[in-house]
Amino acid sequence: MKISHLSLIACLVTYGNTMALSVDQNQPVYIDSNSQQLDMQNNQATFLGNVKLKQGSIKINADKVVIIRDMKTGGIQEIKGYGNLATFSQLTDDNKVLYGEAEELCYKTVDDQLTMLRRAMLAQDDSMIRGSKIRYKISKQKLIADGNIGDRVTTVLQLQAIQK
């Protein structure tokens, strides 16, 4: 079941503009893990065991993280996280936390898109969306959530009090 991005954005960003923290992509990436494997020919690094990644306000925790670098520029192209719920969090420009979790996360830095697969959940404040697949274009605040056959997308809206 697909839900339009307008209704989902309303639940995630009720009464506020929540762009991802605009300085995150220019920050260095710090990674702690139990082990690391490097494939220089394919510009890919794999980190295993209690992986903790941090780039500015972006945090990813997973059992395994794979980083793919752009062959021409050397910049990070994709960050993939895997686990019995890998987690993603990022601070927004208005100081709110965007939090997601799934068995598989894929953050495409160039597109600023987070894709979460299997037991996916994305939350901000007390509002939340669950589905088998969630795609969120962070900078454009566009979201699509899908359920598997027999599964539905679940949304919880917590309406915020309007500030006077």
C-alpha atoms as a PDB file:
ATOM      1  CA  MET A   1       0.000   0.000   0.000  1.00  0.00           C
ATOM      2  CA  LYS A   2       1.477   3.326  -1.035  1.00  0.00           C
ATOM      3  CA  ILE A   3       0.704   6.523   0.799  1.00  0.00           C
ATOM      4  CA  SER A   4       1.349   9.908  -0.764  1.00  0.00           C
ATOM      5  CA  HIS A   5       4.220  11.900   0.610  1.00  0.00           C
ATOM      6  CA  LEU A   6       1.968  14.799   1.570  1.00  0.00           C
ATOM      7  CA  SER A   7      -0.002  12.854   4.167  1.00  0.00           C
ATOM      8  CA  LEU A   8       3.106  11.227   5.590  1.00  0.00           C
ATOM      9  CA  ILE A   9       5.042  14.429   5.812  1.00  0.00           C
ATOM     10  CA  ALA A  10       2.146  15.926   7.727  1.00  0.00           C
ATOM     11  CA  CYS A  11       2.589  13.295  10.405  1.00  0.00           C
ATOM     12  CA  LEU A  12       6.363  13.617  10.603  1.00  0.00           C
ATOM     13  CA  VAL A  13       6.706  17.351  10.419  1.00  0.00           C
ATOM     14  CA  THR A  14       3.580  18.681  12.006  1.00  0.00           C
ATOM     15  CA  TYR A  15       3.671  22.480  12.296  1.00  0.00           C
ATOM     16  CA  GLY A  16       7.297  22.961  11.362  1.00  0.00           C
ATOM     17  CA  ASN A  17       9.938  22.961   8.698  1.00  0.00           C
ATOM     18  CA  THR A  18      12.388  20.140   9.357  1.00  0.00           C
ATOM     19  CA  MET A  19      15.183  20.063   6.859  1.00  0.00           C
ATOM     20  CA  ALA A  20      18.098  17.787   7.668  1.00  0.00           C
ATOM     21  CA  LEU A  21      20.971  19.612   9.281  1.00  0.00           C
ATOM     22  CA  SER A  22      22.474  21.286   6.234  1.00  0.00           C
ATOM     23  CA  VAL A  23      26.108  21.050   7.352  1.00  0.00           C
ATOM     24  CA  ASP A  24      26.183  17.253   7.867  1.00  0.00           C
ATOM     25  CA  GLN A  25      27.412  16.283   4.405  1.00  0.00           C
ATOM     26  CA  ASN A  26      30.474  18.520   4.750  1.00  0.00           C
ATOM     27  CA  GLN A  27      31.601  16.870   7.992  1.00  0.00           C
ATOM     28  CA  PRO A  28      34.183  14.069   8.343  1.00  0.00           C
ATOM     29  CA  VAL A  29      32.938  10.506   8.877  1.00  0.00           C
ATOM     30  CA  TYR A  30      34.005   8.665  12.055  1.00  0.00           C
ATOM     31  CA  ILE A  31      33.548   4.892  12.278  1.00  0.00           C
ATOM     32  CA  ASP A  32      34.193   2.489  15.162  1.00  0.00           C
ATOM     33  CA  SER A  33      33.856  -1.270  14.613  1.00  0.00           C
ATOM     34  CA  ASN A  34      35.284  -4.619  15.665  1.00  0.00           C
ATOM     35  CA  SER A  35      36.865  -5.188  12.245  1.00  0.00           C
ATOM     36  CA  GLN A  36      37.235  -3.610   8.822  1.00  0.00           C
ATOM     37  CA  GLN A  37      37.681  -4.934   5.292  1.00  0.00           C
ATOM     38  CA  LEU A  38      38.796  -2.755   2.396  1.00  0.00           C
ATOM     39  CA  ASP A  39      38.211  -3.452  -1.320  1.00  0.00           C
ATOM     40  CA  MET A  40      40.266  -0.725  -2.991  1.00  0.00           C
ATOM     41  CA  GLN A  41      39.458  -1.897  -6.516  1.00  0.00           C
ATOM     42  CA  ASN A  42      35.726  -1.340  -5.940  1.00  0.00           C
ATOM     43  CA  ASN A  43      36.149   1.682  -3.604  1.00  0.00           C
ATOM     44  CA  GLN A  44      34.259  -0.128  -0.867  1.00  0.00           C
ATOM     45  CA  ALA A  45      34.920  -0.495   2.854  1.00  0.00           C
ATOM     46  CA  THR A  46      33.051  -2.954   5.084  1.00  0.00           C
ATOM     47  CA  PHE A  47      32.904  -2.526   8.855  1.00  0.00           C
ATOM     48  CA  LEU A  48      31.772  -5.433  11.041  1.00  0.00           C
ATOM     49  CA  GLY A  49      30.693  -5.848  14.655  1.00  0.00           C
ATOM     50  CA  ASN A  50      28.901  -3.187  16.719  1.00  0.00           C
ATOM     51  CA  VAL A  51      29.519  -0.507  14.099  1.00  0.00           C
ATOM     52  CA  LYS A  52      29.014   3.115  15.127  1.00  0.00           C
ATOM     53  CA  LEU A  53      29.173   5.712  12.360  1.00  0.00           C
ATOM     54  CA  LYS A  54      28.958   9.468  12.909  1.00  0.00           C
ATOM     55  CA  GLN A  55      28.995  12.305  10.368  1.00  0.00           C
ATOM     56  CA  GLY A  56      27.971  15.632  11.873  1.00  0.00           C
ATOM     57  CA  SER A  57      24.583  14.923  13.461  1.00  0.00           C
ATOM     58  CA  ILE A  58      24.069  11.720  11.416  1.00  0.00           C
ATOM     59  CA  LYS A  59      24.466   8.539  13.461  1.00  0.00           C
ATOM     60  CA  ILE A  60      24.183   4.979  12.176  1.00  0.00           C
ATOM     61  CA  ASN A  61      24.501   1.950  14.466  1.00  0.00           C
ATOM     62  CA  ALA A  62      24.530  -1.516  12.879  1.00  0.00           C
ATOM     63  CA  ASP A  63      26.043  -4.984  12.928  1.00  0.00           C
ATOM     64  CA  LYS A  64      27.576  -4.293   9.497  1.00  0.00           C
ATOM     65  CA  VAL A  65      28.154  -1.063   7.557  1.00  0.00           C
ATOM     66  CA  VAL A  66      29.302  -0.859   3.940  1.00  0.00           C
ATOM     67  CA  ILE A  67      30.580   2.440   2.547  1.00  0.00           C
ATOM     68  CA  ILE A  68      30.832   2.924  -1.197  1.00  0.00           C
ATOM     69  CA  ARG A  69      32.932   5.820  -2.459  1.00  0.00           C
ATOM     70  CA  ASP A  70      32.597   7.591  -5.790  1.00  0.00           C
ATOM     71  CA  MET A  71      35.472   6.443  -8.027  1.00  0.00           C
ATOM     72  CA  LYS A  72      35.940   9.904  -9.576  1.00  0.00           C
ATOM     73  CA  THR A  73      35.569  12.255  -6.620  1.00  0.00           C
ATOM     74  CA  GLY A  74      36.488   9.956  -3.733  1.00  0.00           C
ATOM     75  CA  GLY A  75      33.444  11.218  -1.818  1.00  0.00           C
ATOM     76  CA  ILE A  76      31.020   8.896  -0.059  1.00  0.00           C
ATOM     77  CA  GLN A  77      28.288   7.769  -2.423  1.00  0.00           C
ATOM     78  CA  GLU A  78      26.345   5.313  -0.230  1.00  0.00           C
ATOM     79  CA  ILE A  79      26.271   4.127   3.346  1.00  0.00           C
ATOM     80  CA  LYS A  80      24.523   0.795   3.921  1.00  0.00           C
ATOM     81  CA  GLY A  81      23.732  -0.560   7.376  1.00  0.00           C
ATOM     82  CA  TYR A  82      22.579  -4.080   8.243  1.00  0.00           C
ATOM     83  CA  GLY A  83      21.499  -5.655  11.502  1.00  0.00           C
ATOM     84  CA  ASN A  84      18.797  -6.943  13.756  1.00  0.00           C
ATOM     85  CA  LEU A  85      17.584  -3.396  13.523  1.00  0.00           C
ATOM     86  CA  ALA A  86      20.191  -0.996  12.275  1.00  0.00           C
ATOM     87  CA  THR A  87      19.418   2.562  13.378  1.00  0.00           C
ATOM     88  CA  PHE A  88      19.714   5.986  11.741  1.00  0.00           C
ATOM     89  CA  SER A  89      19.312   9.363  13.401  1.00  0.00           C
ATOM     90  CA  GLN A  90      19.874  12.909  12.232  1.00  0.00           C
ATOM     91  CA  LEU A  91      19.284  16.307  13.732  1.00  0.00           C
ATOM     92  CA  THR A  92      17.211  18.718  11.654  1.00  0.00           C
ATOM     93  CA  ASP A  93      17.880  22.425  11.163  1.00  0.00           C
ATOM     94  CA  ASP A  94      15.129  23.194  13.686  1.00  0.00           C
ATOM     95  CA  ASN A  95      16.795  20.927  16.272  1.00  0.00           C
ATOM     96  CA  LYS A  96      14.419  17.943  16.037  1.00  0.00           C
ATOM     97  CA  VAL A  97      15.627  14.347  15.803  1.00  0.00           C
ATOM     98  CA  LEU A  98      14.663  12.205  12.816  1.00  0.00           C
ATOM     99  CA  TYR A  99      15.018   8.547  13.874  1.00  0.00           C
ATOM    100  CA  GLY A 100      14.751   5.416  11.732  1.00  0.00           C
ATOM    101  CA  GLU A 101      15.364   1.708  12.135  1.00  0.00           C
ATOM    102  CA  ALA A 102      15.201  -1.345   9.892  1.00  0.00           C
ATOM    103  CA  GLU A 103      17.025  -4.561   9.123  1.00  0.00           C
ATOM    104  CA  GLU A 104      18.638  -2.774   6.181  1.00  0.00           C
ATOM    105  CA  LEU A 105      19.358   0.945   5.737  1.00  0.00           C
ATOM    106  CA  CYS A 106      20.715   2.613   2.627  1.00  0.00           C
ATOM    107  CA  TYR A 107      21.647   6.291   2.802  1.00  0.00           C
ATOM    108  CA  LYS A 108      22.548   7.761  -0.611  1.00  0.00           C
ATOM    109  CA  THR A 109      24.449  10.915   0.213  1.00  0.00           C
ATOM    110  CA  VAL A 110      24.285  12.469  -3.268  1.00  0.00           C
ATOM    111  CA  ASP A 111      20.488  12.094  -3.411  1.00  0.00           C
ATOM    112  CA  ASP A 112      20.078  12.707   0.346  1.00  0.00           C
ATOM    113  CA  GLN A 113      17.733   9.708   0.395  1.00  0.00           C
ATOM    114  CA  LEU A 114      17.284   7.146   3.148  1.00  0.00           C
ATOM    115  CA  THR A 115      15.765   3.787   2.189  1.00  0.00           C
ATOM    116  CA  MET A 116      14.826   1.347   4.956  1.00  0.00           C
ATOM    117  CA  LEU A 117      13.864  -2.287   4.316  1.00  0.00           C
ATOM    118  CA  ARG A 118      12.216  -4.952   6.487  1.00  0.00           C
ATOM    119  CA  ARG A 119      10.682  -3.919   9.816  1.00  0.00           C
ATOM    120  CA  ALA A 120      11.209  -0.291   8.826  1.00  0.00           C
ATOM    121  CA  MET A 121      10.200   2.549  11.132  1.00  0.00           C
ATOM    122  CA  LEU A 122      10.701   6.305  10.833  1.00  0.00           C
ATOM    123  CA  ALA A 123       9.815   8.715  13.642  1.00  0.00           C
ATOM    124  CA  GLN A 124      10.039  12.342  14.604  1.00  0.00           C
ATOM    125  CA  ASP A 125       8.755  13.740  17.867  1.00  0.00           C
ATOM    126  CA  ASP A 126       5.991  11.303  18.851  1.00  0.00           C
ATOM    127  CA  SER A 127       4.777  10.619  15.285  1.00  0.00           C
ATOM    128  CA  MET A 128       5.798   7.379  13.594  1.00  0.00           C
ATOM    129  CA  ILE A 129       5.436   5.339  10.392  1.00  0.00           C
ATOM    130  CA  ARG A 130       6.027   1.566  10.109  1.00  0.00           C
ATOM    131  CA  GLY A 131       6.151  -0.528   6.955  1.00  0.00           C
ATOM    132  CA  SER A 132       8.213  -3.091   5.112  1.00  0.00           C
ATOM    133  CA  LYS A 133       9.870  -0.376   2.999  1.00  0.00           C
ATOM    134  CA  ILE A 134      10.239   3.334   3.657  1.00  0.00           C
ATOM    135  CA  ARG A 135      11.941   5.751   1.255  1.00  0.00           C
ATOM    136  CA  TYR A 136      12.569   9.250   2.556  1.00  0.00           C
ATOM    137  CA  LYS A 137      14.082  12.058   0.473  1.00  0.00           C
ATOM    138  CA  ILE A 138      15.338  14.055   3.444  1.00  0.00           C
ATOM    139  CA  SER A 139      16.090  17.439   1.836  1.00  0.00           C
ATOM    140  CA  LYS A 140      12.785  17.520  -0.067  1.00  0.00           C
ATOM    141  CA  GLN A 141      10.776  16.014   2.822  1.00  0.00           C
ATOM    142  CA  LYS A 142       9.127  13.437   0.548  1.00  0.00           C
ATOM    143  CA  LEU A 143       8.305  10.005   1.886  1.00  0.00           C
ATOM    144  CA  ILE A 144       6.830   6.792   0.462  1.00  0.00           C
ATOM    145  CA  ALA A 145       6.023   3.831   2.699  1.00  0.00           C
ATOM    146  CA  ASP A 146       4.971   0.383   1.476  1.00  0.00           C
ATOM    147  CA  GLY A 147       3.731  -2.769   3.176  1.00  0.00           C
ATOM    148  CA  ASN A 148       4.353  -6.340   2.055  1.00  0.00           C
ATOM    149  CA  ILE A 149       1.558  -8.562   0.812  1.00  0.00           C
ATOM    150  CA  GLY A 150      -0.741  -8.989   3.792  1.00  0.00           C
ATOM    151  CA  ASP A 151       1.052  -6.240   5.728  1.00  0.00           C
ATOM    152  CA  ARG A 152      -0.075  -2.676   5.908  1.00  0.00           C
ATOM    153  CA  VAL A 153       1.624   0.610   6.602  1.00  0.00           C
ATOM    154  CA  THR A 154       0.970   1.866  10.135  1.00  0.00           C
ATOM    155  CA  THR A 155       0.992   5.562  10.974  1.00  0.00           C
ATOM    156  CA  VAL A 156       0.717   7.206  14.390  1.00  0.00           C
ATOM    157  CA  LEU A 157       0.069  10.948  14.407  1.00  0.00           C
ATOM    158  CA  GLN A 158       0.680  12.991  17.516  1.00  0.00           C
ATOM    159  CA  LEU A 159      -0.784  16.409  16.913  1.00  0.00           C
ATOM    160  CA  GLN A 160       1.284  19.228  18.314  1.00  0.00           C
ATOM    161  CA  ALA A 161      -0.266  22.069  20.276  1.00  0.00           C
ATOM    162  CA  ILE A 162      -0.114  25.286  18.258  1.00  0.00           C
ATOM    163  CA  GLN A 163       2.205  27.770  19.928  1.00  0.00           C
ATOM    164  CA  LYS A 164       0.717  31.232  20.494  1.00  0.00           C
END
